Amino acid sequence: NSIVEINSIKQGEYKITPIDDKAQFYIFYLKDSAIPYAQFILMDKTMFNSAYVQMFFLGNYDKNLFDLVINSRDAKVFKLKI
């Protein structure tokens, strides 16, 4: 479906390049990966839309519901505001 280039997980810097609307997979290219051989992730649409991918990789979350407590390249910790 698309290639997602992640420039910085910590800063939430990414670029989505659509490839084929009919395709069922996304390719993530992690430019700032600490592990050289783990720079690419292949996932389907269900995984792409998951809370983990949206919150950790893309920084897409409801800021009225969550506080970002820890933000690093290796981990993000969110606190529920309720």
C-alpha atoms as a PDB file:
ATOM      1  CA  ASN A   1       0.000   0.000   0.000  1.00  0.00           C
ATOM      2  CA  SER A   2       2.616   2.542   1.135  1.00  0.00           C
ATOM      3  CA  ILE A   3       6.204   2.993   2.200  1.00  0.00           C
ATOM      4  CA  VAL A   4       6.549   4.751   5.544  1.00  0.00           C
ATOM      5  CA  GLU A   5       9.985   6.289   6.086  1.00  0.00           C
ATOM      6  CA  ILE A   6      10.599   6.888   9.791  1.00  0.00           C
ATOM      7  CA  ASN A   7      13.321   9.516  10.173  1.00  0.00           C
ATOM      8  CA  SER A   8      12.993   9.777  13.956  1.00  0.00           C
ATOM      9  CA  ILE A   9      10.807   7.668  16.231  1.00  0.00           C
ATOM     10  CA  LYS A  10      11.466  10.027  19.139  1.00  0.00           C
ATOM     11  CA  GLN A  11      10.506  13.164  17.202  1.00  0.00           C
ATOM     12  CA  GLY A  12       7.696  11.453  15.281  1.00  0.00           C
ATOM     13  CA  GLU A  13       9.207  12.451  11.947  1.00  0.00           C
ATOM     14  CA  TYR A  14       7.950  10.307   9.100  1.00  0.00           C
ATOM     15  CA  LYS A  15       6.888  10.454   5.472  1.00  0.00           C
ATOM     16  CA  ILE A  16       4.240   8.229   3.876  1.00  0.00           C
ATOM     17  CA  THR A  17       4.618   7.536   0.158  1.00  0.00           C
ATOM     18  CA  PRO A  18       1.595   5.804  -1.407  1.00  0.00           C
ATOM     19  CA  ILE A  19       2.549   3.011  -3.812  1.00  0.00           C
ATOM     20  CA  ASP A  20      -0.580   1.026  -4.718  1.00  0.00           C
ATOM     21  CA  ASP A  21      -4.077   1.605  -3.296  1.00  0.00           C
ATOM     22  CA  LYS A  22      -4.979  -2.044  -3.918  1.00  0.00           C
ATOM     23  CA  ALA A  23      -1.962  -3.486  -2.094  1.00  0.00           C
ATOM     24  CA  GLN A  24      -2.499  -4.957   1.359  1.00  0.00           C
ATOM     25  CA  PHE A  25       0.875  -4.302   2.988  1.00  0.00           C
ATOM     26  CA  TYR A  26       2.908  -1.402   4.330  1.00  0.00           C
ATOM     27  CA  ILE A  27       6.703  -1.253   4.469  1.00  0.00           C
ATOM     28  CA  PHE A  28       8.285   0.697   7.308  1.00  0.00           C
ATOM     29  CA  TYR A  29      11.853   1.896   6.753  1.00  0.00           C
ATOM     30  CA  LEU A  30      13.416   2.824  10.105  1.00  0.00           C
ATOM     31  CA  LYS A  31      16.229   5.222   9.282  1.00  0.00           C
ATOM     32  CA  ASP A  32      17.307   5.691  12.910  1.00  0.00           C
ATOM     33  CA  SER A  33      17.245   2.006  13.879  1.00  0.00           C
ATOM     34  CA  ALA A  34      19.860   1.035  16.467  1.00  0.00           C
ATOM     35  CA  ILE A  35      19.986  -2.442  14.910  1.00  0.00           C
ATOM     36  CA  PRO A  36      21.269  -2.311  11.308  1.00  0.00           C
ATOM     37  CA  TYR A  37      19.553  -5.526  10.178  1.00  0.00           C
ATOM     38  CA  ALA A  38      16.174  -4.512  11.640  1.00  0.00           C
ATOM     39  CA  GLN A  39      15.517  -1.464   9.503  1.00  0.00           C
ATOM     40  CA  PHE A  40      12.503  -2.768   7.581  1.00  0.00           C
ATOM     41  CA  ILE A  41       9.128  -3.904   8.913  1.00  0.00           C
ATOM     42  CA  LEU A  42       6.429  -5.398   6.691  1.00  0.00           C
ATOM     43  CA  MET A  43       2.879  -5.201   8.041  1.00  0.00           C
ATOM     44  CA  ASP A  44      -0.708  -5.516   6.902  1.00  0.00           C
ATOM     45  CA  LYS A  45      -3.391  -2.847   7.259  1.00  0.00           C
ATOM     46  CA  THR A  46      -4.692  -4.246  10.566  1.00  0.00           C
ATOM     47  CA  MET A  47      -1.264  -3.953  12.159  1.00  0.00           C
ATOM     48  CA  PHE A  48      -0.691  -0.506  10.606  1.00  0.00           C
ATOM     49  CA  ASN A  49      -3.926   0.720  12.206  1.00  0.00           C
ATOM     50  CA  SER A  50      -3.105  -0.810  15.610  1.00  0.00           C
ATOM     51  CA  ALA A  51      -2.642   1.426  18.653  1.00  0.00           C
ATOM     52  CA  TYR A  52       0.979   0.265  18.988  1.00  0.00           C
ATOM     53  CA  VAL A  53       2.033   1.342  15.491  1.00  0.00           C
ATOM     54  CA  GLN A  54       0.014   4.562  15.539  1.00  0.00           C
ATOM     55  CA  MET A  55       1.217   5.636  18.993  1.00  0.00           C
ATOM     56  CA  PHE A  56       4.829   4.401  19.020  1.00  0.00           C
ATOM     57  CA  PHE A  57       5.989   4.891  15.443  1.00  0.00           C
ATOM     58  CA  LEU A  58       3.730   7.666  14.174  1.00  0.00           C
ATOM     59  CA  GLY A  59       2.870   9.587  17.349  1.00  0.00           C
ATOM     60  CA  ASN A  60      -0.849   9.499  16.544  1.00  0.00           C
ATOM     61  CA  TYR A  61      -2.825   9.416  19.783  1.00  0.00           C
ATOM     62  CA  ASP A  62      -5.539  11.404  21.535  1.00  0.00           C
ATOM     63  CA  LYS A  63      -3.667  13.957  23.640  1.00  0.00           C
ATOM     64  CA  ASN A  64      -6.827  14.496  25.703  1.00  0.00           C
ATOM     65  CA  LEU A  65      -6.657  10.855  26.848  1.00  0.00           C
ATOM     66  CA  PHE A  66      -2.911  10.161  27.086  1.00  0.00           C
ATOM     67  CA  ASP A  67       0.209  11.869  28.428  1.00  0.00           C
ATOM     68  CA  LEU A  68       3.538  10.893  26.879  1.00  0.00           C
ATOM     69  CA  VAL A  69       5.700  10.127  29.929  1.00  0.00           C
ATOM     70  CA  ILE A  70       8.834   8.591  28.367  1.00  0.00           C
ATOM     71  CA  ASN A  71       9.889   9.259  24.788  1.00  0.00           C
ATOM     72  CA  SER A  72      13.034   7.702  23.350  1.00  0.00           C
ATOM     73  CA  ARG A  73      14.053   5.887  20.207  1.00  0.00           C
ATOM     74  CA  ASP A  74      13.687   2.576  22.038  1.00  0.00           C
ATOM     75  CA  ALA A  75      10.561   3.097  24.137  1.00  0.00           C
ATOM     76  CA  LYS A  76       7.519   5.262  24.660  1.00  0.00           C
ATOM     77  CA  VAL A  77       5.402   5.158  27.798  1.00  0.00           C
ATOM     78  CA  PHE A  78       1.944   6.688  27.894  1.00  0.00           C
ATOM     79  CA  LYS A  79      -0.153   7.498  30.959  1.00  0.00           C
ATOM     80  CA  LEU A  80      -3.940   7.382  30.733  1.00  0.00           C
ATOM     81  CA  LYS A  81      -5.369  10.683  32.011  1.00  0.00           C
ATOM     82  CA  ILE A  82      -8.580   9.191  33.419  1.00  0.00           C
END
